[in-house]
Amino acid sequence: MEQRRLNKTTKPDIELSEAACERIRSVLKKEGKHALRISLNEAGCSGLEYVLDYADLPIEGDLVVEQSGFQLFVDAEAYQKALIGLKIDFQQDVLSAAFVFNNPNKQGECGCGASFTI
């Protein structure tokens, strides 16, 4: 995987679909927050899972991406490890609604898709 030097001016190349942005804006408004923070947690069958948290301020070292109507805070260590090039969509049908992660760094995932390996 490509290694990049990260600093405060690094702009993550994480893409959010319009559906994902709409959902995030809606939930942030409901929660009274200004930003969404994405990071990783070591868990699940395959090792890593995405963590989405509502936030007002970034954690020291977070990369900040300005979106239309909100900010996305990205854990720099997680970005370097496994989030470079991540694309996030939001899909909804009659039975379910969920964020969908298209990660070019993913090598495999568990059967239920909740966790992945790099």
PDB file of N, CA and C in Angstrom:
ATOM      1  N   MET A   1       0.835  -1.176   0.000  1.00  0.00           N
ATOM      2  CA  MET A   1       0.000   0.000   0.000  1.00  0.00           C
ATOM      3  C   MET A   1       0.883   1.244   0.000  1.00  0.00           C
ATOM      4  N   GLU A   2       0.444   2.247  -0.683  1.00  0.00           N
ATOM      5  CA  GLU A   2       1.170   3.501  -0.785  1.00  0.00           C
ATOM      6  C   GLU A   2       1.296   4.157   0.588  1.00  0.00           C
ATOM      7  N   GLN A   3       2.499   4.599   0.934  1.00  0.00           N
ATOM      8  CA  GLN A   3       2.717   5.325   2.185  1.00  0.00           C
ATOM      9  C   GLN A   3       2.866   6.808   1.853  1.00  0.00           C
ATOM     10  N   ARG A   4       2.097   7.636   2.520  1.00  0.00           N
ATOM     11  CA  ARG A   4       2.160   9.083   2.323  1.00  0.00           C
ATOM     12  C   ARG A   4       2.603   9.745   3.612  1.00  0.00           C
ATOM     13  N   ARG A   5       3.306  10.850   3.472  1.00  0.00           N
ATOM     14  CA  ARG A   5       3.628  11.663   4.646  1.00  0.00           C
ATOM     15  C   ARG A   5       2.418  12.536   4.916  1.00  0.00           C
ATOM     16  N   LEU A   6       1.887  12.437   6.124  1.00  0.00           N
ATOM     17  CA  LEU A   6       0.711  13.209   6.478  1.00  0.00           C
ATOM     18  C   LEU A   6       1.115  14.425   7.299  1.00  0.00           C
ATOM     19  N   ASN A   7       0.431  15.521   7.054  1.00  0.00           N
ATOM     20  CA  ASN A   7       0.598  16.715   7.871  1.00  0.00           C
ATOM     21  C   ASN A   7      -0.741  17.440   7.923  1.00  0.00           C
ATOM     22  N   LYS A   8      -0.773  18.563   8.592  1.00  0.00           N
ATOM     23  CA  LYS A   8      -2.041  19.270   8.787  1.00  0.00           C
ATOM     24  C   LYS A   8      -2.690  19.707   7.476  1.00  0.00           C
ATOM     25  N   THR A   9      -1.925  19.819   6.409  1.00  0.00           N
ATOM     26  CA  THR A   9      -2.492  20.259   5.138  1.00  0.00           C
ATOM     27  C   THR A   9      -2.854  19.100   4.212  1.00  0.00           C
ATOM     28  N   THR A  10      -2.574  17.869   4.631  1.00  0.00           N
ATOM     29  CA  THR A  10      -2.946  16.712   3.824  1.00  0.00           C
ATOM     30  C   THR A  10      -4.460  16.681   3.667  1.00  0.00           C
ATOM     31  N   LYS A  11      -4.923  16.586   2.439  1.00  0.00           N
ATOM     32  CA  LYS A  11      -6.361  16.496   2.191  1.00  0.00           C
ATOM     33  C   LYS A  11      -6.680  15.050   1.831  1.00  0.00           C
ATOM     34  N   PRO A  12      -7.399  14.368   2.708  1.00  0.00           N
ATOM     35  CA  PRO A  12      -7.747  12.974   2.416  1.00  0.00           C
ATOM     36  C   PRO A  12      -8.565  12.863   1.137  1.00  0.00           C
ATOM     37  N   ASP A  13      -8.315  11.812   0.381  1.00  0.00           N
ATOM     38  CA  ASP A  13      -9.039  11.588  -0.868  1.00  0.00           C
ATOM     39  C   ASP A  13     -10.244  10.676  -0.641  1.00  0.00           C
ATOM     40  N   ILE A  14     -10.922  10.873   0.473  1.00  0.00           N
ATOM     41  CA  ILE A  14     -12.135  10.122   0.774  1.00  0.00           C
ATOM     42  C   ILE A  14     -13.305  10.795   0.060  1.00  0.00           C
ATOM     43  N   GLU A  15     -14.078  10.001  -0.675  1.00  0.00           N
ATOM     44  CA  GLU A  15     -15.230  10.534  -1.419  1.00  0.00           C
ATOM     45  C   GLU A  15     -16.529  10.100  -0.762  1.00  0.00           C
ATOM     46  N   LEU A  16     -17.475  11.023  -0.669  1.00  0.00           N
ATOM     47  CA  LEU A  16     -18.806  10.721  -0.167  1.00  0.00           C
ATOM     48  C   LEU A  16     -19.806  10.983  -1.283  1.00  0.00           C
ATOM     49  N   SER A  17     -20.700  10.056  -1.515  1.00  0.00           N
ATOM     50  CA  SER A  17     -21.749  10.249  -2.519  1.00  0.00           C
ATOM     51  C   SER A  17     -22.712  11.315  -2.005  1.00  0.00           C
ATOM     52  N   GLU A  18     -23.530  11.853  -2.897  1.00  0.00           N
ATOM     53  CA  GLU A  18     -24.526  12.839  -2.486  1.00  0.00           C
ATOM     54  C   GLU A  18     -25.509  12.221  -1.492  1.00  0.00           C
ATOM     55  N   ALA A  19     -25.864  10.951  -1.697  1.00  0.00           N
ATOM     56  CA  ALA A  19     -26.767  10.276  -0.751  1.00  0.00           C
ATOM     57  C   ALA A  19     -26.133  10.194   0.639  1.00  0.00           C
ATOM     58  N   ALA A  20     -24.841   9.895   0.713  1.00  0.00           N
ATOM     59  CA  ALA A  20     -24.149   9.834   2.000  1.00  0.00           C
ATOM     60  C   ALA A  20     -24.110  11.221   2.647  1.00  0.00           C
ATOM     61  N   CYS A  21     -23.818  12.249   1.857  1.00  0.00           N
ATOM     62  CA  CYS A  21     -23.788  13.614   2.389  1.00  0.00           C
ATOM     63  C   CYS A  21     -25.151  14.035   2.921  1.00  0.00           C
ATOM     64  N   GLU A  22     -26.198  13.725   2.177  1.00  0.00           N
ATOM     65  CA  GLU A  22     -27.550  14.075   2.625  1.00  0.00           C
ATOM     66  C   GLU A  22     -27.867  13.400   3.949  1.00  0.00           C
ATOM     67  N   ARG A  23     -27.558  12.122   4.072  1.00  0.00           N
ATOM     68  CA  ARG A  23     -27.827  11.381   5.300  1.00  0.00           C
ATOM     69  C   ARG A  23     -27.023  11.951   6.462  1.00  0.00           C
ATOM     70  N   ILE A  24     -25.755  12.234   6.237  1.00  0.00           N
ATOM     71  CA  ILE A  24     -24.897  12.776   7.291  1.00  0.00           C
ATOM     72  C   ILE A  24     -25.416  14.137   7.747  1.00  0.00           C
ATOM     73  N   ARG A  25     -25.766  15.023   6.803  1.00  0.00           N
ATOM     74  CA  ARG A  25     -26.304  16.333   7.177  1.00  0.00           C
ATOM     75  C   ARG A  25     -27.559  16.182   8.026  1.00  0.00           C
ATOM     76  N   SER A  26     -28.432  15.280   7.629  1.00  0.00           N
ATOM     77  CA  SER A  26     -29.681  15.051   8.349  1.00  0.00           C
ATOM     78  C   SER A  26     -29.426  14.568   9.778  1.00  0.00           C
ATOM     79  N   VAL A  27     -28.553  13.593   9.930  1.00  0.00           N
ATOM     80  CA  VAL A  27     -28.273  13.034  11.255  1.00  0.00           C
ATOM     81  C   VAL A  27     -27.536  14.051  12.128  1.00  0.00           C
ATOM     82  N   LEU A  28     -26.583  14.776  11.556  1.00  0.00           N
ATOM     83  CA  LEU A  28     -25.855  15.777  12.342  1.00  0.00           C
ATOM     84  C   LEU A  28     -26.800  16.863  12.847  1.00  0.00           C
ATOM     85  N   LYS A  29     -27.720  17.280  12.003  1.00  0.00           N
ATOM     86  CA  LYS A  29     -28.700  18.292  12.417  1.00  0.00           C
ATOM     87  C   LYS A  29     -29.532  17.764  13.581  1.00  0.00           C
ATOM     88  N   LYS A  30     -29.993  16.540  13.457  1.00  0.00           N
ATOM     89  CA  LYS A  30     -30.806  15.903  14.503  1.00  0.00           C
ATOM     90  C   LYS A  30     -30.018  15.779  15.814  1.00  0.00           C
ATOM     91  N   GLU A  31     -28.729  15.457  15.719  1.00  0.00           N
ATOM     92  CA  GLU A  31     -27.877  15.262  16.899  1.00  0.00           C
ATOM     93  C   GLU A  31     -27.289  16.576  17.429  1.00  0.00           C
ATOM     94  N   GLY A  32     -27.451  17.671  16.683  1.00  0.00           N
ATOM     95  CA  GLY A  32     -26.899  18.956  17.107  1.00  0.00           C
ATOM     96  C   GLY A  32     -25.381  19.017  17.032  1.00  0.00           C
ATOM     97  N   LYS A  33     -24.797  18.293  16.090  1.00  0.00           N
ATOM     98  CA  LYS A  33     -23.341  18.253  15.913  1.00  0.00           C
ATOM     99  C   LYS A  33     -22.975  18.886  14.576  1.00  0.00           C
ATOM    100  N   HIS A  34     -21.663  19.149  14.407  1.00  0.00           N
ATOM    101  CA  HIS A  34     -21.202  19.844  13.208  1.00  0.00           C
ATOM    102  C   HIS A  34     -20.352  18.989  12.280  1.00  0.00           C
ATOM    103  N   ALA A  35     -19.956  17.811  12.758  1.00  0.00           N
ATOM    104  CA  ALA A  35     -19.019  17.021  11.966  1.00  0.00           C
ATOM    105  C   ALA A  35     -19.223  15.526  12.212  1.00  0.00           C
ATOM    106  N   LEU A  36     -18.701  14.758  11.261  1.00  0.00           N
ATOM    107  CA  LEU A  36     -18.650  13.304  11.394  1.00  0.00           C
ATOM    108  C   LEU A  36     -17.181  12.920  11.433  1.00  0.00           C
ATOM    109  N   ARG A  37     -16.815  12.043  12.365  1.00  0.00           N
ATOM    110  CA  ARG A  37     -15.433  11.569  12.470  1.00  0.00           C
ATOM    111  C   ARG A  37     -15.401  10.109  12.069  1.00  0.00           C
ATOM    112  N   ILE A  38     -14.437   9.773  11.204  1.00  0.00           N
ATOM    113  CA  ILE A  38     -14.261   8.388  10.787  1.00  0.00           C
ATOM    114  C   ILE A  38     -12.906   7.891  11.277  1.00  0.00           C
ATOM    115  N   SER A  39     -12.944   6.697  11.844  1.00  0.00           N
ATOM    116  CA  SER A  39     -11.728   6.050  12.315  1.00  0.00           C
ATOM    117  C   SER A  39     -11.908   4.543  12.163  1.00  0.00           C
ATOM    118  N   LEU A  40     -10.964   3.792  12.660  1.00  0.00           N
ATOM    119  CA  LEU A  40     -11.025   2.332  12.608  1.00  0.00           C
ATOM    120  C   LEU A  40     -10.906   1.769  14.010  1.00  0.00           C
ATOM    121  N   ASN A  41     -11.478   0.606  14.193  1.00  0.00           N
ATOM    122  CA  ASN A  41     -11.381  -0.118  15.445  1.00  0.00           C
ATOM    123  C   ASN A  41     -10.950  -1.543  15.119  1.00  0.00           C
ATOM    124  N   GLU A  42     -10.051  -2.082  15.928  1.00  0.00           N
ATOM    125  CA  GLU A  42      -9.667  -3.486  15.744  1.00  0.00           C
ATOM    126  C   GLU A  42     -10.754  -4.339  16.384  1.00  0.00           C
ATOM    127  N   ALA A  43     -11.524  -5.012  15.543  1.00  0.00           N
ATOM    128  CA  ALA A  43     -12.659  -5.806  16.031  1.00  0.00           C
ATOM    129  C   ALA A  43     -13.186  -6.674  14.905  1.00  0.00           C
ATOM    130  N   GLY A  44     -14.169  -7.485  15.234  1.00  0.00           N
ATOM    131  CA  GLY A  44     -14.840  -8.302  14.235  1.00  0.00           C
ATOM    132  C   GLY A  44     -14.040  -9.525  13.839  1.00  0.00           C
ATOM    133  N   CYS A  45     -14.618 -10.277  12.958  1.00  0.00           N
ATOM    134  CA  CYS A  45     -14.012 -11.534  12.494  1.00  0.00           C
ATOM    135  C   CYS A  45     -12.743 -11.307  11.681  1.00  0.00           C
ATOM    136  N   SER A  46     -12.697 -10.198  10.934  1.00  0.00           N
ATOM    137  CA  SER A  46     -11.584  -9.987  10.018  1.00  0.00           C
ATOM    138  C   SER A  46     -10.542  -8.998  10.500  1.00  0.00           C
ATOM    139  N   GLY A  47     -10.798  -8.294  11.591  1.00  0.00           N
ATOM    140  CA  GLY A  47      -9.746  -7.461  12.151  1.00  0.00           C
ATOM    141  C   GLY A  47     -10.021  -5.984  12.273  1.00  0.00           C
ATOM    142  N   LEU A  48     -10.656  -5.344  11.284  1.00  0.00           N
ATOM    143  CA  LEU A  48     -10.892  -3.908  11.334  1.00  0.00           C
ATOM    144  C   LEU A  48     -12.349  -3.589  11.014  1.00  0.00           C
ATOM    145  N   GLU A  49     -12.867  -2.579  11.699  1.00  0.00           N
ATOM    146  CA  GLU A  49     -14.208  -2.107  11.369  1.00  0.00           C
ATOM    147  C   GLU A  49     -14.206  -0.587  11.356  1.00  0.00           C
ATOM    148  N   TYR A  50     -15.091  -0.012  10.564  1.00  0.00           N
ATOM    149  CA  TYR A  50     -15.227   1.431  10.482  1.00  0.00           C
ATOM    150  C   TYR A  50     -15.962   1.941  11.719  1.00  0.00           C
ATOM    151  N   VAL A  51     -15.529   3.112  12.199  1.00  0.00           N
ATOM    152  CA  VAL A  51     -16.189   3.752  13.326  1.00  0.00           C
ATOM    153  C   VAL A  51     -16.587   5.157  12.883  1.00  0.00           C
ATOM    154  N   LEU A  52     -17.880   5.460  12.955  1.00  0.00           N
ATOM    155  CA  LEU A  52     -18.400   6.782  12.633  1.00  0.00           C
ATOM    156  C   LEU A  52     -18.944   7.395  13.912  1.00  0.00           C
ATOM    157  N   ASP A  53     -18.444   8.586  14.263  1.00  0.00           N
ATOM    158  CA  ASP A  53     -18.875   9.285  15.473  1.00  0.00           C
ATOM    159  C   ASP A  53     -19.280  10.712  15.112  1.00  0.00           C
ATOM    160  N   TYR A  54     -20.270  11.234  15.815  1.00  0.00           N
ATOM    161  CA  TYR A  54     -20.645  12.641  15.672  1.00  0.00           C
ATOM    162  C   TYR A  54     -19.666  13.454  16.499  1.00  0.00           C
ATOM    163  N   ALA A  55     -19.317  14.640  16.015  1.00  0.00           N
ATOM    164  CA  ALA A  55     -18.329  15.450  16.717  1.00  0.00           C
ATOM    165  C   ALA A  55     -18.590  16.930  16.484  1.00  0.00           C
ATOM    166  N   ASP A  56     -18.004  17.736  17.344  1.00  0.00           N
ATOM    167  CA  ASP A  56     -17.995  19.186  17.151  1.00  0.00           C
ATOM    168  C   ASP A  56     -16.588  19.656  16.790  1.00  0.00           C
ATOM    169  N   LEU A  57     -15.581  18.998  17.389  1.00  0.00           N
ATOM    170  CA  LEU A  57     -14.192  19.381  17.171  1.00  0.00           C
ATOM    171  C   LEU A  57     -13.364  18.156  16.799  1.00  0.00           C
ATOM    172  N   PRO A  58     -12.327  18.358  15.979  1.00  0.00           N
ATOM    173  CA  PRO A  58     -11.458  17.226  15.648  1.00  0.00           C
ATOM    174  C   PRO A  58     -10.590  16.851  16.846  1.00  0.00           C
ATOM    175  N   ILE A  59     -10.162  15.611  16.860  1.00  0.00           N
ATOM    176  CA  ILE A  59      -9.178  15.157  17.838  1.00  0.00           C
ATOM    177  C   ILE A  59      -7.811  15.553  17.292  1.00  0.00           C
ATOM    178  N   GLU A  60      -6.883  15.882  18.178  1.00  0.00           N
ATOM    179  CA  GLU A  60      -5.561  16.324  17.732  1.00  0.00           C
ATOM    180  C   GLU A  60      -4.982  15.346  16.712  1.00  0.00           C
ATOM    181  N   GLY A  61      -4.536  15.873  15.595  1.00  0.00           N
ATOM    182  CA  GLY A  61      -3.952  15.057  14.540  1.00  0.00           C
ATOM    183  C   GLY A  61      -4.944  14.642  13.461  1.00  0.00           C
ATOM    184  N   ASP A  62      -6.255  14.846  13.688  1.00  0.00           N
ATOM    185  CA  ASP A  62      -7.240  14.498  12.663  1.00  0.00           C
ATOM    186  C   ASP A  62      -7.027  15.322  11.402  1.00  0.00           C
ATOM    187  N   LEU A  63      -7.313  14.711  10.285  1.00  0.00           N
ATOM    188  CA  LEU A  63      -7.353  15.419   9.010  1.00  0.00           C
ATOM    189  C   LEU A  63      -8.775  15.933   8.842  1.00  0.00           C
ATOM    190  N   VAL A  64      -8.918  17.148   8.322  1.00  0.00           N
ATOM    191  CA  VAL A  64     -10.237  17.770   8.224  1.00  0.00           C
ATOM    192  C   VAL A  64     -10.595  17.983   6.756  1.00  0.00           C
ATOM    193  N   VAL A  65     -11.781  17.496   6.378  1.00  0.00           N
ATOM    194  CA  VAL A  65     -12.282  17.665   5.017  1.00  0.00           C
ATOM    195  C   VAL A  65     -13.570  18.476   5.091  1.00  0.00           C
ATOM    196  N   GLU A  66     -13.626  19.574   4.357  1.00  0.00           N
ATOM    197  CA  GLU A  66     -14.836  20.391   4.284  1.00  0.00           C
ATOM    198  C   GLU A  66     -15.778  19.754   3.269  1.00  0.00           C
ATOM    199  N   GLN A  67     -16.980  19.444   3.706  1.00  0.00           N
ATOM    200  CA  GLN A  67     -18.013  18.909   2.828  1.00  0.00           C
ATOM    201  C   GLN A  67     -19.082  19.988   2.670  1.00  0.00           C
ATOM    202  N   SER A  68     -20.077  19.726   1.878  1.00  0.00           N
ATOM    203  CA  SER A  68     -21.153  20.690   1.736  1.00  0.00           C
ATOM    204  C   SER A  68     -22.079  20.590   2.945  1.00  0.00           C
ATOM    205  N   GLY A  69     -21.931  21.526   3.874  1.00  0.00           N
ATOM    206  CA  GLY A  69     -22.796  21.580   5.035  1.00  0.00           C
ATOM    207  C   GLY A  69     -22.270  20.918   6.285  1.00  0.00           C
ATOM    208  N   PHE A  70     -21.096  20.327   6.258  1.00  0.00           N
ATOM    209  CA  PHE A  70     -20.506  19.714   7.451  1.00  0.00           C
ATOM    210  C   PHE A  70     -19.022  19.461   7.216  1.00  0.00           C
ATOM    211  N   GLN A  71     -18.344  19.063   8.279  1.00  0.00           N
ATOM    212  CA  GLN A  71     -16.938  18.690   8.184  1.00  0.00           C
ATOM    213  C   GLN A  71     -16.805  17.190   8.426  1.00  0.00           C
ATOM    214  N   LEU A  72     -15.823  16.601   7.788  1.00  0.00           N
ATOM    215  CA  LEU A  72     -15.470  15.206   8.005  1.00  0.00           C
ATOM    216  C   LEU A  72     -14.099  15.206   8.662  1.00  0.00           C
ATOM    217  N   PHE A  73     -14.018  14.644   9.874  1.00  0.00           N
ATOM    218  CA  PHE A  73     -12.743  14.495  10.570  1.00  0.00           C
ATOM    219  C   PHE A  73     -12.275  13.061  10.335  1.00  0.00           C
ATOM    220  N   VAL A  74     -11.028  12.919   9.908  1.00  0.00           N
ATOM    221  CA  VAL A  74     -10.489  11.601   9.590  1.00  0.00           C
ATOM    222  C   VAL A  74      -9.292  11.318  10.487  1.00  0.00           C
ATOM    223  N   ASP A  75      -9.363  10.233  11.229  1.00  0.00           N
ATOM    224  CA  ASP A  75      -8.243   9.819  12.059  1.00  0.00           C
ATOM    225  C   ASP A  75      -7.046   9.594  11.140  1.00  0.00           C
ATOM    226  N   ALA A  76      -5.967  10.347  11.358  1.00  0.00           N
ATOM    227  CA  ALA A  76      -4.806  10.300  10.460  1.00  0.00           C
ATOM    228  C   ALA A  76      -4.154   8.923  10.430  1.00  0.00           C
ATOM    229  N   GLU A  77      -4.063   8.271  11.565  1.00  0.00           N
ATOM    230  CA  GLU A  77      -3.451   6.941  11.610  1.00  0.00           C
ATOM    231  C   GLU A  77      -4.295   5.928  10.829  1.00  0.00           C
ATOM    232  N   ALA A  78      -5.609   5.997  10.997  1.00  0.00           N
ATOM    233  CA  ALA A  78      -6.509   5.098  10.264  1.00  0.00           C
ATOM    234  C   ALA A  78      -6.439   5.389   8.770  1.00  0.00           C
ATOM    235  N   TYR A  79      -6.347   6.662   8.415  1.00  0.00           N
ATOM    236  CA  TYR A  79      -6.254   7.035   7.001  1.00  0.00           C
ATOM    237  C   TYR A  79      -5.007   6.423   6.385  1.00  0.00           C
ATOM    238  N   GLN A  80      -3.891   6.603   7.057  1.00  0.00           N
ATOM    239  CA  GLN A  80      -2.620   6.073   6.555  1.00  0.00           C
ATOM    240  C   GLN A  80      -2.660   4.546   6.450  1.00  0.00           C
ATOM    241  N   LYS A  81      -3.306   3.923   7.416  1.00  0.00           N
ATOM    242  CA  LYS A  81      -3.332   2.466   7.488  1.00  0.00           C
ATOM    243  C   LYS A  81      -4.261   1.834   6.459  1.00  0.00           C
ATOM    244  N   ALA A  82      -5.472   2.415   6.277  1.00  0.00           N
ATOM    245  CA  ALA A  82      -6.452   1.680   5.473  1.00  0.00           C
ATOM    246  C   ALA A  82      -7.566   2.501   4.842  1.00  0.00           C
ATOM    247  N   LEU A  83      -7.516   3.846   4.895  1.00  0.00           N
ATOM    248  CA  LEU A  83      -8.638   4.624   4.370  1.00  0.00           C
ATOM    249  C   LEU A  83      -8.322   5.429   3.109  1.00  0.00           C
ATOM    250  N   ILE A  84      -7.103   5.353   2.627  1.00  0.00           N
ATOM    251  CA  ILE A  84      -6.743   6.097   1.414  1.00  0.00           C
ATOM    252  C   ILE A  84      -7.614   5.613   0.252  1.00  0.00           C
ATOM    253  N   GLY A  85      -8.294   6.552  -0.401  1.00  0.00           N
ATOM    254  CA  GLY A  85      -9.124   6.220  -1.558  1.00  0.00           C
ATOM    255  C   GLY A  85     -10.512   5.700  -1.214  1.00  0.00           C
ATOM    256  N   LEU A  86     -10.901   5.733   0.059  1.00  0.00           N
ATOM    257  CA  LEU A  86     -12.205   5.224   0.495  1.00  0.00           C
ATOM    258  C   LEU A  86     -13.351   6.007  -0.146  1.00  0.00           C
ATOM    259  N   LYS A  87     -14.381   5.281  -0.567  1.00  0.00           N
ATOM    260  CA  LYS A  87     -15.610   5.887  -1.090  1.00  0.00           C
ATOM    261  C   LYS A  87     -16.759   5.426  -0.206  1.00  0.00           C
ATOM    262  N   ILE A  88     -17.594   6.385   0.219  1.00  0.00           N
ATOM    263  CA  ILE A  88     -18.718   6.075   1.097  1.00  0.00           C
ATOM    264  C   ILE A  88     -20.019   6.469   0.419  1.00  0.00           C
ATOM    265  N   ASP A  89     -20.958   5.541   0.401  1.00  0.00           N
ATOM    266  CA  ASP A  89     -22.294   5.776  -0.151  1.00  0.00           C
ATOM    267  C   ASP A  89     -23.307   5.484   0.945  1.00  0.00           C
ATOM    268  N   PHE A  90     -24.535   5.915   0.746  1.00  0.00           N
ATOM    269  CA  PHE A  90     -25.631   5.564   1.643  1.00  0.00           C
ATOM    270  C   PHE A  90     -26.722   4.955   0.786  1.00  0.00           C
ATOM    271  N   GLN A  91     -27.127   3.746   1.143  1.00  0.00           N
ATOM    272  CA  GLN A  91     -28.156   3.052   0.366  1.00  0.00           C
ATOM    273  C   GLN A  91     -29.320   2.692   1.270  1.00  0.00           C
ATOM    274  N   GLN A  92     -30.518   2.865   0.722  1.00  0.00           N
ATOM    275  CA  GLN A  92     -31.731   2.587   1.480  1.00  0.00           C
ATOM    276  C   GLN A  92     -32.726   1.883   0.581  1.00  0.00           C
ATOM    277  N   ASP A  93     -33.381   0.862   1.151  1.00  0.00           N
ATOM    278  CA  ASP A  93     -34.465   0.192   0.441  1.00  0.00           C
ATOM    279  C   ASP A  93     -35.592  -0.045   1.432  1.00  0.00           C
ATOM    280  N   VAL A  94     -36.543  -0.840   1.072  1.00  0.00           N
ATOM    281  CA  VAL A  94     -37.704  -1.073   1.914  1.00  0.00           C
ATOM    282  C   VAL A  94     -37.329  -1.704   3.264  1.00  0.00           C
ATOM    283  N   LEU A  95     -36.314  -2.548   3.278  1.00  0.00           N
ATOM    284  CA  LEU A  95     -35.965  -3.297   4.483  1.00  0.00           C
ATOM    285  C   LEU A  95     -34.792  -2.749   5.279  1.00  0.00           C
ATOM    286  N   SER A  96     -33.934  -1.942   4.666  1.00  0.00           N
ATOM    287  CA  SER A  96     -32.736  -1.517   5.383  1.00  0.00           C
ATOM    288  C   SER A  96     -32.185  -0.194   4.860  1.00  0.00           C
ATOM    289  N   ALA A  97     -31.323   0.387   5.661  1.00  0.00           N
ATOM    290  CA  ALA A  97     -30.602   1.596   5.289  1.00  0.00           C
ATOM    291  C   ALA A  97     -29.216   1.506   5.914  1.00  0.00           C
ATOM    292  N   ALA A  98     -28.176   1.786   5.129  1.00  0.00           N
ATOM    293  CA  ALA A  98     -26.818   1.649   5.655  1.00  0.00           C
ATOM    294  C   ALA A  98     -25.819   2.412   4.812  1.00  0.00           C
ATOM    295  N   PHE A  99     -24.722   2.818   5.466  1.00  0.00           N
ATOM    296  CA  PHE A  99     -23.580   3.348   4.730  1.00  0.00           C
ATOM    297  C   PHE A  99     -22.863   2.161   4.096  1.00  0.00           C
ATOM    298  N   VAL A 100     -22.403   2.360   2.877  1.00  0.00           N
ATOM    299  CA  VAL A 100     -21.685   1.325   2.137  1.00  0.00           C
ATOM    300  C   VAL A 100     -20.280   1.854   1.872  1.00  0.00           C
ATOM    301  N   PHE A 101     -19.280   1.069   2.256  1.00  0.00           N
ATOM    302  CA  PHE A 101     -17.881   1.471   2.139  1.00  0.00           C
ATOM    303  C   PHE A 101     -17.228   0.713   0.991  1.00  0.00           C
ATOM    304  N   ASN A 102     -16.688   1.440   0.023  1.00  0.00           N
ATOM    305  CA  ASN A 102     -15.922   0.857  -1.071  1.00  0.00           C
ATOM    306  C   ASN A 102     -14.469   1.232  -0.813  1.00  0.00           C
ATOM    307  N   ASN A 103     -13.702   0.263  -0.316  1.00  0.00           N
ATOM    308  CA  ASN A 103     -12.340   0.534   0.119  1.00  0.00           C
ATOM    309  C   ASN A 103     -11.351  -0.224  -0.762  1.00  0.00           C
ATOM    310  N   PRO A 104     -10.533   0.518  -1.549  1.00  0.00           N
ATOM    311  CA  PRO A 104      -9.574  -0.146  -2.430  1.00  0.00           C
ATOM    312  C   PRO A 104      -8.447  -0.853  -1.679  1.00  0.00           C
ATOM    313  N   ASN A 105      -8.307  -0.595  -0.388  1.00  0.00           N
ATOM    314  CA  ASN A 105      -7.255  -1.224   0.418  1.00  0.00           C
ATOM    315  C   ASN A 105      -7.680  -2.558   0.996  1.00  0.00           C
ATOM    316  N   LYS A 106      -8.962  -2.860   0.945  1.00  0.00           N
ATOM    317  CA  LYS A 106      -9.512  -4.069   1.559  1.00  0.00           C
ATOM    318  C   LYS A 106      -9.024  -5.310   0.808  1.00  0.00           C
ATOM    319  N   GLN A 107      -8.484  -6.261   1.573  1.00  0.00           N
ATOM    320  CA  GLN A 107      -8.020  -7.525   1.002  1.00  0.00           C
ATOM    321  C   GLN A 107      -9.068  -8.622   1.163  1.00  0.00           C
ATOM    322  N   GLY A 108      -9.901  -8.501   2.202  1.00  0.00           N
ATOM    323  CA  GLY A 108     -10.933  -9.488   2.478  1.00  0.00           C
ATOM    324  C   GLY A 108     -11.889  -8.943   3.517  1.00  0.00           C
ATOM    325  N   GLU A 109     -12.977  -9.685   3.746  1.00  0.00           N
ATOM    326  CA  GLU A 109     -13.936  -9.265   4.753  1.00  0.00           C
ATOM    327  C   GLU A 109     -14.617 -10.494   5.348  1.00  0.00           C
ATOM    328  N   CYS A 110     -15.248 -10.289   6.500  1.00  0.00           N
ATOM    329  CA  CYS A 110     -15.978 -11.397   7.109  1.00  0.00           C
ATOM    330  C   CYS A 110     -17.266 -11.638   6.323  1.00  0.00           C
ATOM    331  N   GLY A 111     -17.913 -12.749   6.584  1.00  0.00           N
ATOM    332  CA  GLY A 111     -19.110 -13.115   5.847  1.00  0.00           C
ATOM    333  C   GLY A 111     -20.238 -12.115   5.934  1.00  0.00           C
ATOM    334  N   CYS A 112     -20.377 -11.446   7.079  1.00  0.00           N
ATOM    335  CA  CYS A 112     -21.466 -10.479   7.232  1.00  0.00           C
ATOM    336  C   CYS A 112     -21.068  -9.094   6.740  1.00  0.00           C
ATOM    337  N   GLY A 113     -19.794  -8.875   6.420  1.00  0.00           N
ATOM    338  CA  GLY A 113     -19.340  -7.600   5.891  1.00  0.00           C
ATOM    339  C   GLY A 113     -19.106  -6.528   6.936  1.00  0.00           C
ATOM    340  N   ALA A 114     -19.159  -6.881   8.213  1.00  0.00           N
ATOM    341  CA  ALA A 114     -18.982  -5.883   9.278  1.00  0.00           C
ATOM    342  C   ALA A 114     -17.523  -5.519   9.516  1.00  0.00           C
ATOM    343  N   SER A 115     -16.591  -6.414   9.186  1.00  0.00           N
ATOM    344  CA  SER A 115     -15.187  -6.118   9.386  1.00  0.00           C
ATOM    345  C   SER A 115     -14.390  -6.553   8.146  1.00  0.00           C
ATOM    346  N   PHE A 116     -13.158  -6.017   8.058  1.00  0.00           N
ATOM    347  CA  PHE A 116     -12.349  -6.289   6.868  1.00  0.00           C
ATOM    348  C   PHE A 116     -10.880  -6.403   7.236  1.00  0.00           C
ATOM    349  N   THR A 117     -10.096  -6.925   6.289  1.00  0.00           N
ATOM    350  CA  THR A 117      -8.641  -7.015   6.450  1.00  0.00           C
ATOM    351  C   THR A 117      -7.987  -6.187   5.367  1.00  0.00           C
ATOM    352  N   ILE A 118      -6.754  -5.762   5.653  1.00  0.00           N
ATOM    353  CA  ILE A 118      -5.970  -5.022   4.662  1.00  0.00           C
ATOM    354  C   ILE A 118      -4.697  -5.774   4.364  1.00  0.00           C
TER     355      ILE A 118
END
